[in-house]
Amino acid sequence: MAVPKRKQSPSRTGMRRGQNSKYTVKNIVEDKKSGEYRLSHHIDLKTGFYKGRQVLDIEE
């Protein structure tokens, strides 16, 4: 089994991890009703809608 000859430094570990994070995409979508940005598969807290249905009663 292959074993590393030396311990990898924290700097090198960070460099490797930095390459992985630059390709991640947030699940941010524009809401069709309000035009606000929100996370996909989440309730719009301003209007209370989810998938076109009223889920929360928002007191104004």
N, C-alpha and C. Protein backbone atom coordinates (compact mmCIF):
# COMPACT_ATOMS: atom_id res chain seq x y z
N MET A 1 0.84 -1.18 0.00
CA MET A 1 0.00 0.00 0.00
C MET A 1 0.89 1.25 0.00
N ALA A 2 0.51 2.25 -0.78
CA ALA A 2 1.31 3.47 -0.89
C ALA A 2 1.13 4.33 0.35
N VAL A 3 2.24 4.80 0.88
CA VAL A 3 2.22 5.65 2.06
C VAL A 3 3.03 6.90 1.76
N PRO A 4 2.54 8.09 2.10
CA PRO A 4 3.32 9.30 1.85
C PRO A 4 4.63 9.30 2.64
N LYS A 5 5.67 9.82 2.01
CA LYS A 5 6.98 9.85 2.66
C LYS A 5 7.03 10.92 3.73
N ARG A 6 6.36 12.06 3.50
CA ARG A 6 6.37 13.16 4.46
C ARG A 6 4.96 13.66 4.70
N LYS A 7 4.79 14.30 5.85
CA LYS A 7 3.50 14.89 6.20
C LYS A 7 3.24 16.10 5.30
N GLN A 8 2.01 16.22 4.84
CA GLN A 8 1.65 17.36 4.00
C GLN A 8 1.43 18.60 4.88
N SER A 9 2.01 19.72 4.49
CA SER A 9 1.92 20.94 5.30
C SER A 9 0.51 21.53 5.22
N PRO A 10 0.12 22.31 6.24
CA PRO A 10 -1.19 22.95 6.21
C PRO A 10 -1.36 23.87 5.00
N SER A 11 -0.27 24.50 4.57
CA SER A 11 -0.32 25.37 3.39
C SER A 11 -0.70 24.58 2.15
N ARG A 12 -0.07 23.43 1.98
CA ARG A 12 -0.38 22.61 0.81
C ARG A 12 -1.80 22.06 0.89
N THR A 13 -2.23 21.69 2.07
CA THR A 13 -3.58 21.19 2.25
C THR A 13 -4.59 22.27 1.87
N GLY A 14 -4.31 23.51 2.30
CA GLY A 14 -5.19 24.62 1.97
C GLY A 14 -5.23 24.90 0.48
N MET A 15 -4.09 24.77 -0.18
CA MET A 15 -4.04 24.98 -1.63
C MET A 15 -4.90 23.94 -2.35
N ARG A 16 -4.83 22.71 -1.89
CA ARG A 16 -5.62 21.65 -2.52
C ARG A 16 -7.11 21.89 -2.29
N ARG A 17 -7.48 22.26 -1.08
CA ARG A 17 -8.88 22.49 -0.77
C ARG A 17 -9.42 23.73 -1.47
N GLY A 18 -8.56 24.70 -1.70
CA GLY A 18 -8.97 25.91 -2.40
C GLY A 18 -9.39 25.63 -3.83
N GLN A 19 -8.80 24.63 -4.46
CA GLN A 19 -9.16 24.27 -5.83
C GLN A 19 -10.56 23.68 -5.88
N ASN A 20 -10.94 22.94 -4.84
CA ASN A 20 -12.26 22.31 -4.82
C ASN A 20 -13.37 23.33 -4.64
N SER A 21 -13.13 24.36 -3.86
CA SER A 21 -14.20 25.29 -3.51
C SER A 21 -14.53 26.27 -4.62
N LYS A 22 -13.66 26.44 -5.60
CA LYS A 22 -13.93 27.45 -6.61
C LYS A 22 -14.96 26.98 -7.64
N TYR A 23 -15.32 25.70 -7.63
CA TYR A 23 -16.29 25.18 -8.58
C TYR A 23 -17.67 24.99 -7.98
N THR A 24 -17.85 25.27 -6.70
CA THR A 24 -19.16 25.07 -6.09
C THR A 24 -20.11 26.18 -6.53
N VAL A 25 -21.36 25.82 -6.74
CA VAL A 25 -22.39 26.75 -7.16
C VAL A 25 -23.48 26.77 -6.10
N LYS A 26 -23.85 27.97 -5.68
CA LYS A 26 -24.92 28.07 -4.69
C LYS A 26 -26.26 27.87 -5.39
N ASN A 27 -27.21 27.35 -4.66
CA ASN A 27 -28.54 27.14 -5.21
C ASN A 27 -29.38 28.38 -5.02
N ILE A 28 -28.96 29.47 -5.63
CA ILE A 28 -29.70 30.71 -5.51
C ILE A 28 -30.49 30.92 -6.78
N VAL A 29 -31.79 31.11 -6.62
CA VAL A 29 -32.67 31.32 -7.76
C VAL A 29 -33.46 32.60 -7.54
N GLU A 30 -33.95 33.17 -8.63
CA GLU A 30 -34.78 34.36 -8.55
C GLU A 30 -36.23 33.93 -8.40
N ASP A 31 -36.92 34.47 -7.42
CA ASP A 31 -38.32 34.12 -7.18
C ASP A 31 -39.19 34.71 -8.29
N LYS A 32 -40.15 33.91 -8.80
CA LYS A 32 -40.97 34.35 -9.92
C LYS A 32 -41.96 35.44 -9.51
N LYS A 33 -42.48 35.35 -8.29
CA LYS A 33 -43.49 36.33 -7.86
C LYS A 33 -42.88 37.65 -7.41
N SER A 34 -41.93 37.57 -6.49
CA SER A 34 -41.40 38.80 -5.89
C SER A 34 -40.14 39.32 -6.58
N GLY A 35 -39.45 38.46 -7.34
CA GLY A 35 -38.20 38.89 -7.99
C GLY A 35 -37.01 38.87 -7.07
N GLU A 36 -37.19 38.47 -5.81
CA GLU A 36 -36.10 38.40 -4.84
C GLU A 36 -35.31 37.10 -5.06
N TYR A 37 -34.05 37.12 -4.64
CA TYR A 37 -33.23 35.92 -4.71
C TYR A 37 -33.40 35.13 -3.42
N ARG A 38 -33.48 33.80 -3.58
CA ARG A 38 -33.63 32.91 -2.42
C ARG A 38 -32.98 31.58 -2.75
N LEU A 39 -32.79 30.73 -1.74
CA LEU A 39 -32.26 29.40 -1.97
C LEU A 39 -33.35 28.52 -2.58
N SER A 40 -32.97 27.69 -3.55
CA SER A 40 -33.95 26.80 -4.15
C SER A 40 -34.40 25.76 -3.13
N HIS A 41 -35.60 25.28 -3.28
CA HIS A 41 -36.22 24.31 -2.37
C HIS A 41 -36.42 24.89 -0.97
N HIS A 42 -36.55 26.21 -0.86
CA HIS A 42 -36.81 26.86 0.41
C HIS A 42 -38.02 27.78 0.26
N ILE A 43 -38.70 28.02 1.36
CA ILE A 43 -39.85 28.92 1.37
C ILE A 43 -39.36 30.36 1.22
N ASP A 44 -40.10 31.14 0.43
CA ASP A 44 -39.82 32.57 0.34
C ASP A 44 -40.43 33.21 1.59
N LEU A 45 -39.58 33.70 2.48
CA LEU A 45 -40.06 34.19 3.77
C LEU A 45 -40.81 35.51 3.67
N LYS A 46 -40.60 36.27 2.60
CA LYS A 46 -41.30 37.54 2.46
C LYS A 46 -42.75 37.34 2.04
N THR A 47 -42.99 36.37 1.15
CA THR A 47 -44.35 36.15 0.67
C THR A 47 -45.00 34.93 1.31
N GLY A 48 -44.22 33.96 1.75
CA GLY A 48 -44.76 32.75 2.36
C GLY A 48 -45.14 31.69 1.34
N PHE A 49 -44.68 31.83 0.10
CA PHE A 49 -45.02 30.88 -0.94
C PHE A 49 -43.94 29.84 -1.09
N TYR A 50 -44.35 28.61 -1.47
CA TYR A 50 -43.45 27.53 -1.81
C TYR A 50 -44.10 26.73 -2.92
N LYS A 51 -43.43 26.61 -4.05
CA LYS A 51 -43.94 25.90 -5.23
C LYS A 51 -45.30 26.45 -5.67
N GLY A 52 -45.47 27.76 -5.60
CA GLY A 52 -46.69 28.39 -6.08
C GLY A 52 -47.86 28.30 -5.12
N ARG A 53 -47.66 27.75 -3.92
CA ARG A 53 -48.73 27.65 -2.93
C ARG A 53 -48.40 28.50 -1.71
N GLN A 54 -49.42 29.03 -1.07
CA GLN A 54 -49.25 29.77 0.17
C GLN A 54 -49.03 28.78 1.31
N VAL A 55 -47.85 28.84 1.92
CA VAL A 55 -47.51 27.90 2.98
C VAL A 55 -47.51 28.59 4.33
N LEU A 56 -46.99 29.82 4.39
CA LEU A 56 -46.94 30.59 5.64
C LEU A 56 -47.91 31.75 5.56
N ASP A 57 -48.53 32.06 6.68
CA ASP A 57 -49.35 33.26 6.76
C ASP A 57 -48.45 34.40 7.23
N ILE A 58 -48.22 35.36 6.36
CA ILE A 58 -47.37 36.49 6.66
C ILE A 58 -48.24 37.65 7.14
N GLU A 59 -47.98 38.10 8.36
CA GLU A 59 -48.73 39.24 8.92
C GLU A 59 -48.06 40.52 8.46
N GLU A 60 -48.82 41.41 7.84
CA GLU A 60 -48.24 42.66 7.35
C GLU A 60 -48.75 43.85 8.14
